[in-house]
Amino acid sequence: MTKNEDSAPLPSPAAIAAADDMTFAAIEDAADLAASFARSAGEAAFRRERVTLGVHLRQLRLVVIAAIGAFNELSAKAGEKAEAA
């Protein structure tokens, strides 16, 4: 680990890359779940099952929110890397 001007330790490039890899994997998993929930919502809508449709739409919303949050973390880290360069 190196230190910045505030004497706080900075993670190594390998640690940053590993964290990014885990975040991308989490986004991939969330996208897979979102596809499944969207398909289930479509099927429930086709069958006119209002309660089931509501369940799948709520699941879809939550997984999309989680994926966006993970993406924003990547974006924030990318901004930090750009500022450090």
PDB file of N, CA and C in Angstrom:
ATOM      1  N   MET A   1       0.835  -1.187   0.000  1.00  0.00           N
ATOM      2  CA  MET A   1       0.000   0.000   0.000  1.00  0.00           C
ATOM      3  C   MET A   1       0.874   1.242   0.000  1.00  0.00           C
ATOM      4  N   THR A   2       0.424   2.239  -0.714  1.00  0.00           N
ATOM      5  CA  THR A   2       1.095   3.525  -0.707  1.00  0.00           C
ATOM      6  C   THR A   2       0.275   4.477   0.145  1.00  0.00           C
ATOM      7  N   LYS A   3       0.818   5.673   0.351  1.00  0.00           N
ATOM      8  CA  LYS A   3       0.104   6.661   1.162  1.00  0.00           C
ATOM      9  C   LYS A   3      -0.142   7.898   0.315  1.00  0.00           C
ATOM     10  N   ASN A   4      -1.284   8.541   0.574  1.00  0.00           N
ATOM     11  CA  ASN A   4      -1.553   9.799  -0.110  1.00  0.00           C
ATOM     12  C   ASN A   4      -1.095  10.950   0.774  1.00  0.00           C
ATOM     13  N   GLU A   5      -1.395  12.186   0.350  1.00  0.00           N
ATOM     14  CA  GLU A   5      -0.924  13.347   1.102  1.00  0.00           C
ATOM     15  C   GLU A   5      -1.534  13.445   2.494  1.00  0.00           C
ATOM     16  N   ASP A   6      -2.641  12.786   2.772  1.00  0.00           N
ATOM     17  CA  ASP A   6      -3.252  12.789   4.097  1.00  0.00           C
ATOM     18  C   ASP A   6      -2.724  11.649   4.966  1.00  0.00           C
ATOM     19  N   SER A   7      -1.740  10.930   4.490  1.00  0.00           N
ATOM     20  CA  SER A   7      -1.137   9.790   5.177  1.00  0.00           C
ATOM     21  C   SER A   7      -2.086   8.610   5.351  1.00  0.00           C
ATOM     22  N   ALA A   8      -3.179   8.594   4.610  1.00  0.00           N
ATOM     23  CA  ALA A   8      -4.086   7.443   4.635  1.00  0.00           C
ATOM     24  C   ALA A   8      -3.590   6.416   3.624  1.00  0.00           C
ATOM     25  N   PRO A   9      -3.571   5.139   3.985  1.00  0.00           N
ATOM     26  CA  PRO A   9      -3.090   4.123   3.042  1.00  0.00           C
ATOM     27  C   PRO A   9      -4.016   4.008   1.839  1.00  0.00           C
ATOM     28  N   LEU A  10      -3.432   3.832   0.670  1.00  0.00           N
ATOM     29  CA  LEU A  10      -4.183   3.637  -0.565  1.00  0.00           C
ATOM     30  C   LEU A  10      -4.116   2.166  -0.951  1.00  0.00           C
ATOM     31  N   PRO A  11      -5.193   1.612  -1.488  1.00  0.00           N
ATOM     32  CA  PRO A  11      -5.149   0.211  -1.914  1.00  0.00           C
ATOM     33  C   PRO A  11      -4.236   0.047  -3.122  1.00  0.00           C
ATOM     34  N   SER A  12      -3.671  -1.126  -3.238  1.00  0.00           N
ATOM     35  CA  SER A  12      -2.788  -1.411  -4.368  1.00  0.00           C
ATOM     36  C   SER A  12      -3.605  -1.506  -5.653  1.00  0.00           C
ATOM     37  N   PRO A  13      -2.967  -1.348  -6.803  1.00  0.00           N
ATOM     38  CA  PRO A  13      -3.683  -1.529  -8.075  1.00  0.00           C
ATOM     39  C   PRO A  13      -4.318  -2.915  -8.186  1.00  0.00           C
ATOM     40  N   ALA A  14      -3.664  -3.931  -7.654  1.00  0.00           N
ATOM     41  CA  ALA A  14      -4.230  -5.288  -7.708  1.00  0.00           C
ATOM     42  C   ALA A  14      -5.500  -5.374  -6.869  1.00  0.00           C
ATOM     43  N   ALA A  15      -5.521  -4.720  -5.719  1.00  0.00           N
ATOM     44  CA  ALA A  15      -6.717  -4.719  -4.869  1.00  0.00           C
ATOM     45  C   ALA A  15      -7.858  -3.971  -5.550  1.00  0.00           C
ATOM     46  N   ILE A  16      -7.538  -2.871  -6.189  1.00  0.00           N
ATOM     47  CA  ILE A  16      -8.554  -2.103  -6.907  1.00  0.00           C
ATOM     48  C   ILE A  16      -9.126  -2.930  -8.054  1.00  0.00           C
ATOM     49  N   ALA A  17      -8.247  -3.611  -8.799  1.00  0.00           N
ATOM     50  CA  ALA A  17      -8.700  -4.447  -9.915  1.00  0.00           C
ATOM     51  C   ALA A  17      -9.582  -5.592  -9.413  1.00  0.00           C
ATOM     52  N   ALA A  18      -9.211  -6.189  -8.289  1.00  0.00           N
ATOM     53  CA  ALA A  18     -10.016  -7.282  -7.722  1.00  0.00           C
ATOM     54  C   ALA A  18     -11.388  -6.779  -7.294  1.00  0.00           C
ATOM     55  N   ALA A  19     -11.428  -5.600  -6.688  1.00  0.00           N
ATOM     56  CA  ALA A  19     -12.709  -5.018  -6.276  1.00  0.00           C
ATOM     57  C   ALA A  19     -13.572  -4.712  -7.498  1.00  0.00           C
ATOM     58  N   ASP A  20     -12.957  -4.175  -8.548  1.00  0.00           N
ATOM     59  CA  ASP A  20     -13.695  -3.903  -9.786  1.00  0.00           C
ATOM     60  C   ASP A  20     -14.251  -5.199 -10.382  1.00  0.00           C
ATOM     61  N   ASP A  21     -13.440  -6.250 -10.380  1.00  0.00           N
ATOM     62  CA  ASP A  21     -13.887  -7.542 -10.912  1.00  0.00           C
ATOM     63  C   ASP A  21     -15.115  -8.042 -10.159  1.00  0.00           C
ATOM     64  N   MET A  22     -15.083  -7.917  -8.837  1.00  0.00           N
ATOM     65  CA  MET A  22     -16.228  -8.365  -8.038  1.00  0.00           C
ATOM     66  C   MET A  22     -17.458  -7.511  -8.324  1.00  0.00           C
ATOM     67  N   THR A  23     -17.264  -6.220  -8.521  1.00  0.00           N
ATOM     68  CA  THR A  23     -18.388  -5.335  -8.810  1.00  0.00           C
ATOM     69  C   THR A  23     -18.992  -5.653 -10.171  1.00  0.00           C
ATOM     70  N   PHE A  24     -18.136  -5.878 -11.172  1.00  0.00           N
ATOM     71  CA  PHE A  24     -18.654  -6.252 -12.491  1.00  0.00           C
ATOM     72  C   PHE A  24     -19.401  -7.578 -12.428  1.00  0.00           C
ATOM     73  N   ALA A  25     -18.899  -8.529 -11.659  1.00  0.00           N
ATOM     74  CA  ALA A  25     -19.575  -9.822 -11.505  1.00  0.00           C
ATOM     75  C   ALA A  25     -20.938  -9.640 -10.833  1.00  0.00           C
ATOM     76  N   ALA A  26     -21.005  -8.759  -9.847  1.00  0.00           N
ATOM     77  CA  ALA A  26     -22.275  -8.488  -9.175  1.00  0.00           C
ATOM     78  C   ALA A  26     -23.278  -7.854 -10.138  1.00  0.00           C
ATOM     79  N   ILE A  27     -22.806  -6.953 -10.990  1.00  0.00           N
ATOM     80  CA  ILE A  27     -23.684  -6.330 -11.978  1.00  0.00           C
ATOM     81  C   ILE A  27     -24.170  -7.373 -12.983  1.00  0.00           C
ATOM     82  N   GLU A  28     -23.283  -8.260 -13.386  1.00  0.00           N
ATOM     83  CA  GLU A  28     -23.672  -9.334 -14.305  1.00  0.00           C
ATOM     84  C   GLU A  28     -24.755 -10.216 -13.682  1.00  0.00           C
ATOM     85  N   ASP A  29     -24.563 -10.589 -12.421  1.00  0.00           N
ATOM     86  CA  ASP A  29     -25.571 -11.405 -11.719  1.00  0.00           C
ATOM     87  C   ASP A  29     -26.898 -10.659 -11.611  1.00  0.00           C
ATOM     88  N   ALA A  30     -26.828  -9.375 -11.301  1.00  0.00           N
ATOM     89  CA  ALA A  30     -28.051  -8.571 -11.186  1.00  0.00           C
ATOM     90  C   ALA A  30     -28.767  -8.485 -12.530  1.00  0.00           C
ATOM     91  N   ALA A  31     -28.008  -8.343 -13.609  1.00  0.00           N
ATOM     92  CA  ALA A  31     -28.618  -8.277 -14.940  1.00  0.00           C
ATOM     93  C   ALA A  31     -29.302  -9.601 -15.295  1.00  0.00           C
ATOM     94  N   ASP A  32     -28.676 -10.717 -14.914  1.00  0.00           N
ATOM     95  CA  ASP A  32     -29.301 -12.021 -15.146  1.00  0.00           C
ATOM     96  C   ASP A  32     -30.621 -12.135 -14.371  1.00  0.00           C
ATOM     97  N   LEU A  33     -30.602 -11.702 -13.114  1.00  0.00           N
ATOM     98  CA  LEU A  33     -31.831 -11.723 -12.313  1.00  0.00           C
ATOM     99  C   LEU A  33     -32.887 -10.797 -12.908  1.00  0.00           C
ATOM    100  N   ALA A  34     -32.467  -9.625 -13.358  1.00  0.00           N
ATOM    101  CA  ALA A  34     -33.407  -8.669 -13.942  1.00  0.00           C
ATOM    102  C   ALA A  34     -34.085  -9.267 -15.168  1.00  0.00           C
ATOM    103  N   ALA A  35     -33.310  -9.964 -15.988  1.00  0.00           N
ATOM    104  CA  ALA A  35     -33.894 -10.599 -17.174  1.00  0.00           C
ATOM    105  C   ALA A  35     -34.935 -11.641 -16.771  1.00  0.00           C
ATOM    106  N   SER A  36     -34.626 -12.420 -15.753  1.00  0.00           N
ATOM    107  CA  SER A  36     -35.552 -13.442 -15.280  1.00  0.00           C
ATOM    108  C   SER A  36     -36.823 -12.808 -14.713  1.00  0.00           C
ATOM    109  N   PHE A  37     -36.660 -11.774 -13.895  1.00  0.00           N
ATOM    110  CA  PHE A  37     -37.821 -11.114 -13.308  1.00  0.00           C
ATOM    111  C   PHE A  37     -38.668 -10.431 -14.378  1.00  0.00           C
ATOM    112  N   ALA A  38     -38.014  -9.847 -15.374  1.00  0.00           N
ATOM    113  CA  ALA A  38     -38.751  -9.194 -16.460  1.00  0.00           C
ATOM    114  C   ALA A  38     -39.555 -10.227 -17.249  1.00  0.00           C
ATOM    115  N   ARG A  39     -38.942 -11.371 -17.542  1.00  0.00           N
ATOM    116  CA  ARG A  39     -39.652 -12.435 -18.259  1.00  0.00           C
ATOM    117  C   ARG A  39     -40.845 -12.924 -17.437  1.00  0.00           C
ATOM    118  N   SER A  40     -40.625 -13.116 -16.137  1.00  0.00           N
ATOM    119  CA  SER A  40     -41.719 -13.565 -15.261  1.00  0.00           C
ATOM    120  C   SER A  40     -42.831 -12.529 -15.196  1.00  0.00           C
ATOM    121  N   ALA A  41     -42.457 -11.250 -15.180  1.00  0.00           N
ATOM    122  CA  ALA A  41     -43.473 -10.184 -15.167  1.00  0.00           C
ATOM    123  C   ALA A  41     -44.275 -10.219 -16.459  1.00  0.00           C
ATOM    124  N   GLY A  42     -43.591 -10.406 -17.569  1.00  0.00           N
ATOM    125  CA  GLY A  42     -44.296 -10.482 -18.847  1.00  0.00           C
ATOM    126  C   GLY A  42     -45.272 -11.650 -18.894  1.00  0.00           C
ATOM    127  N   GLU A  43     -44.843 -12.786 -18.374  1.00  0.00           N
ATOM    128  CA  GLU A  43     -45.725 -13.955 -18.347  1.00  0.00           C
ATOM    129  C   GLU A  43     -46.921 -13.725 -17.430  1.00  0.00           C
ATOM    130  N   ALA A  44     -46.678 -13.099 -16.282  1.00  0.00           N
ATOM    131  CA  ALA A  44     -47.777 -12.809 -15.361  1.00  0.00           C
ATOM    132  C   ALA A  44     -48.756 -11.820 -15.994  1.00  0.00           C
ATOM    133  N   ALA A  45     -48.244 -10.849 -16.721  1.00  0.00           N
ATOM    134  CA  ALA A  45     -49.108  -9.886 -17.400  1.00  0.00           C
ATOM    135  C   ALA A  45     -49.941 -10.595 -18.470  1.00  0.00           C
ATOM    136  N   PHE A  46     -49.319 -11.494 -19.200  1.00  0.00           N
ATOM    137  CA  PHE A  46     -50.028 -12.254 -20.229  1.00  0.00           C
ATOM    138  C   PHE A  46     -51.181 -13.049 -19.615  1.00  0.00           C
ATOM    139  N   ARG A  47     -50.930 -13.612 -18.431  1.00  0.00           N
ATOM    140  CA  ARG A  47     -51.957 -14.401 -17.737  1.00  0.00           C
ATOM    141  C   ARG A  47     -52.921 -13.530 -16.932  1.00  0.00           C
ATOM    142  N   ARG A  48     -52.652 -12.209 -16.906  1.00  0.00           N
ATOM    143  CA  ARG A  48     -53.466 -11.237 -16.161  1.00  0.00           C
ATOM    144  C   ARG A  48     -53.498 -11.552 -14.668  1.00  0.00           C
ATOM    145  N   GLU A  49     -52.351 -11.957 -14.132  1.00  0.00           N
ATOM    146  CA  GLU A  49     -52.212 -12.250 -12.704  1.00  0.00           C
ATOM    147  C   GLU A  49     -51.625 -11.024 -12.012  1.00  0.00           C
ATOM    148  N   ARG A  50     -52.509 -10.167 -11.559  1.00  0.00           N
ATOM    149  CA  ARG A  50     -52.120  -8.866 -11.001  1.00  0.00           C
ATOM    150  C   ARG A  50     -51.154  -8.994  -9.819  1.00  0.00           C
ATOM    151  N   VAL A  51     -51.435  -9.872  -8.868  1.00  0.00           N
ATOM    152  CA  VAL A  51     -50.590 -10.006  -7.679  1.00  0.00           C
ATOM    153  C   VAL A  51     -49.199 -10.504  -8.070  1.00  0.00           C
ATOM    154  N   THR A  52     -49.144 -11.541  -8.895  1.00  0.00           N
ATOM    155  CA  THR A  52     -47.858 -12.088  -9.334  1.00  0.00           C
ATOM    156  C   THR A  52     -47.086 -11.049 -10.135  1.00  0.00           C
ATOM    157  N   LEU A  53     -47.772 -10.320 -10.982  1.00  0.00           N
ATOM    158  CA  LEU A  53     -47.132  -9.253 -11.751  1.00  0.00           C
ATOM    159  C   LEU A  53     -46.507  -8.220 -10.821  1.00  0.00           C
ATOM    160  N   GLY A  54     -47.240  -7.826  -9.794  1.00  0.00           N
ATOM    161  CA  GLY A  54     -46.707  -6.854  -8.834  1.00  0.00           C
ATOM    162  C   GLY A  54     -45.460  -7.364  -8.131  1.00  0.00           C
ATOM    163  N   VAL A  55     -45.463  -8.643  -7.761  1.00  0.00           N
ATOM    164  CA  VAL A  55     -44.297  -9.238  -7.098  1.00  0.00           C
ATOM    165  C   VAL A  55     -43.082  -9.166  -8.016  1.00  0.00           C
ATOM    166  N   HIS A  56     -43.256  -9.598  -9.267  1.00  0.00           N
ATOM    167  CA  HIS A  56     -42.111  -9.628 -10.184  1.00  0.00           C
ATOM    168  C   HIS A  56     -41.626  -8.224 -10.541  1.00  0.00           C
ATOM    169  N   LEU A  57     -42.535  -7.285 -10.658  1.00  0.00           N
ATOM    170  CA  LEU A  57     -42.115  -5.908 -10.941  1.00  0.00           C
ATOM    171  C   LEU A  57     -41.337  -5.314  -9.767  1.00  0.00           C
ATOM    172  N   ARG A  58     -41.757  -5.622  -8.542  1.00  0.00           N
ATOM    173  CA  ARG A  58     -41.000  -5.133  -7.369  1.00  0.00           C
ATOM    174  C   ARG A  58     -39.617  -5.780  -7.327  1.00  0.00           C
ATOM    175  N   GLN A  59     -39.545  -7.077  -7.633  1.00  0.00           N
ATOM    176  CA  GLN A  59     -38.249  -7.754  -7.673  1.00  0.00           C
ATOM    177  C   GLN A  59     -37.357  -7.121  -8.736  1.00  0.00           C
ATOM    178  N   LEU A  60     -37.937  -6.869  -9.901  1.00  0.00           N
ATOM    179  CA  LEU A  60     -37.182  -6.251 -10.990  1.00  0.00           C
ATOM    180  C   LEU A  60     -36.664  -4.875 -10.581  1.00  0.00           C
ATOM    181  N   ARG A  61     -37.525  -4.078  -9.958  1.00  0.00           N
ATOM    182  CA  ARG A  61     -37.110  -2.736  -9.523  1.00  0.00           C
ATOM    183  C   ARG A  61     -35.933  -2.817  -8.554  1.00  0.00           C
ATOM    184  N   LEU A  62     -36.017  -3.714  -7.574  1.00  0.00           N
ATOM    185  CA  LEU A  62     -34.949  -3.812  -6.572  1.00  0.00           C
ATOM    186  C   LEU A  62     -33.622  -4.248  -7.176  1.00  0.00           C
ATOM    187  N   VAL A  63     -33.674  -5.207  -8.087  1.00  0.00           N
ATOM    188  CA  VAL A  63     -32.424  -5.688  -8.664  1.00  0.00           C
ATOM    189  C   VAL A  63     -31.815  -4.632  -9.598  1.00  0.00           C
ATOM    190  N   VAL A  64     -32.650  -3.873 -10.279  1.00  0.00           N
ATOM    191  CA  VAL A  64     -32.133  -2.791 -11.130  1.00  0.00           C
ATOM    192  C   VAL A  64     -31.519  -1.689 -10.271  1.00  0.00           C
ATOM    193  N   ILE A  65     -32.161  -1.356  -9.165  1.00  0.00           N
ATOM    194  CA  ILE A  65     -31.601  -0.355  -8.247  1.00  0.00           C
ATOM    195  C   ILE A  65     -30.241  -0.815  -7.729  1.00  0.00           C
ATOM    196  N   ALA A  66     -30.125  -2.092  -7.378  1.00  0.00           N
ATOM    197  CA  ALA A  66     -28.849  -2.629  -6.897  1.00  0.00           C
ATOM    198  C   ALA A  66     -27.779  -2.565  -7.985  1.00  0.00           C
ATOM    199  N   ALA A  67     -28.141  -2.900  -9.213  1.00  0.00           N
ATOM    200  CA  ALA A  67     -27.177  -2.856 -10.322  1.00  0.00           C
ATOM    201  C   ALA A  67     -26.715  -1.421 -10.580  1.00  0.00           C
ATOM    202  N   ILE A  68     -27.639  -0.486 -10.539  1.00  0.00           N
ATOM    203  CA  ILE A  68     -27.276   0.918 -10.748  1.00  0.00           C
ATOM    204  C   ILE A  68     -26.361   1.407  -9.628  1.00  0.00           C
ATOM    205  N   GLY A  69     -26.651   1.006  -8.399  1.00  0.00           N
ATOM    206  CA  GLY A  69     -25.778   1.373  -7.283  1.00  0.00           C
ATOM    207  C   GLY A  69     -24.373   0.839  -7.462  1.00  0.00           C
ATOM    208  N   ALA A  70     -24.262  -0.404  -7.905  1.00  0.00           N
ATOM    209  CA  ALA A  70     -22.932  -0.987  -8.149  1.00  0.00           C
ATOM    210  C   ALA A  70     -22.237  -0.252  -9.283  1.00  0.00           C
ATOM    211  N   PHE A  71     -22.980   0.071 -10.331  1.00  0.00           N
ATOM    212  CA  PHE A  71     -22.401   0.818 -11.451  1.00  0.00           C
ATOM    213  C   PHE A  71     -21.910   2.188 -10.994  1.00  0.00           C
ATOM    214  N   ASN A  72     -22.680   2.848 -10.155  1.00  0.00           N
ATOM    215  CA  ASN A  72     -22.273   4.167  -9.656  1.00  0.00           C
ATOM    216  C   ASN A  72     -20.991   4.070  -8.834  1.00  0.00           C
ATOM    217  N   GLU A  73     -20.823   2.970  -8.108  1.00  0.00           N
ATOM    218  CA  GLU A  73     -19.570   2.759  -7.368  1.00  0.00           C
ATOM    219  C   GLU A  73     -18.395   2.668  -8.341  1.00  0.00           C
ATOM    220  N   LEU A  74     -18.581   1.938  -9.441  1.00  0.00           N
ATOM    221  CA  LEU A  74     -17.522   1.864 -10.455  1.00  0.00           C
ATOM    222  C   LEU A  74     -17.225   3.242 -11.019  1.00  0.00           C
ATOM    223  N   SER A  75     -18.274   3.995 -11.311  1.00  0.00           N
ATOM    224  CA  SER A  75     -18.106   5.327 -11.872  1.00  0.00           C
ATOM    225  C   SER A  75     -17.375   6.237 -10.895  1.00  0.00           C
ATOM    226  N   ALA A  76     -17.707   6.126  -9.610  1.00  0.00           N
ATOM    227  CA  ALA A  76     -17.049   6.956  -8.600  1.00  0.00           C
ATOM    228  C   ALA A  76     -15.577   6.584  -8.510  1.00  0.00           C
ATOM    229  N   LYS A  77     -15.276   5.285  -8.545  1.00  0.00           N
ATOM    230  CA  LYS A  77     -13.880   4.864  -8.485  1.00  0.00           C
ATOM    231  C   LYS A  77     -13.126   5.305  -9.719  1.00  0.00           C
ATOM    232  N   ALA A  78     -13.786   5.285 -10.886  1.00  0.00           N
ATOM    233  CA  ALA A  78     -13.139   5.730 -12.104  1.00  0.00           C
ATOM    234  C   ALA A  78     -12.806   7.214 -12.015  1.00  0.00           C
ATOM    235  N   GLY A  79     -13.713   7.992 -11.415  1.00  0.00           N
ATOM    236  CA  GLY A  79     -13.466   9.416 -11.215  1.00  0.00           C
ATOM    237  C   GLY A  79     -12.294   9.663 -10.286  1.00  0.00           C
ATOM    238  N   GLU A  80     -12.180   8.846  -9.240  1.00  0.00           N
ATOM    239  CA  GLU A  80     -11.056   8.970  -8.305  1.00  0.00           C
ATOM    240  C   GLU A  80      -9.751   8.644  -9.024  1.00  0.00           C
ATOM    241  N   LYS A  81      -9.772   7.612  -9.876  1.00  0.00           N
ATOM    242  CA  LYS A  81      -8.562   7.244 -10.614  1.00  0.00           C
ATOM    243  C   LYS A  81      -8.149   8.373 -11.551  1.00  0.00           C
ATOM    244  N   ALA A  82      -9.149   9.010 -12.204  1.00  0.00           N
ATOM    245  CA  ALA A  82      -8.831  10.098 -13.122  1.00  0.00           C
ATOM    246  C   ALA A  82      -8.245  11.281 -12.386  1.00  0.00           C
ATOM    247  N   GLU A  83      -8.755  11.567 -11.184  1.00  0.00           N
ATOM    248  CA  GLU A  83      -8.237  12.685 -10.405  1.00  0.00           C
ATOM    249  C   GLU A  83      -6.823  12.402  -9.915  1.00  0.00           C
ATOM    250  N   ALA A  84      -6.525  11.147  -9.616  1.00  0.00           N
ATOM    251  CA  ALA A  84      -5.205  10.779  -9.101  1.00  0.00           C
ATOM    252  C   ALA A  84      -4.157  10.816 -10.201  1.00  0.00           C
ATOM    253  N   ALA A  85      -4.580  10.662 -11.445  1.00  0.00           N
ATOM    254  CA  ALA A  85      -3.625  10.589 -12.563  1.00  0.00           C
ATOM    255  C   ALA A  85      -3.083  11.955 -12.930  1.00  0.00           C
TER     256      ALA A  85
END
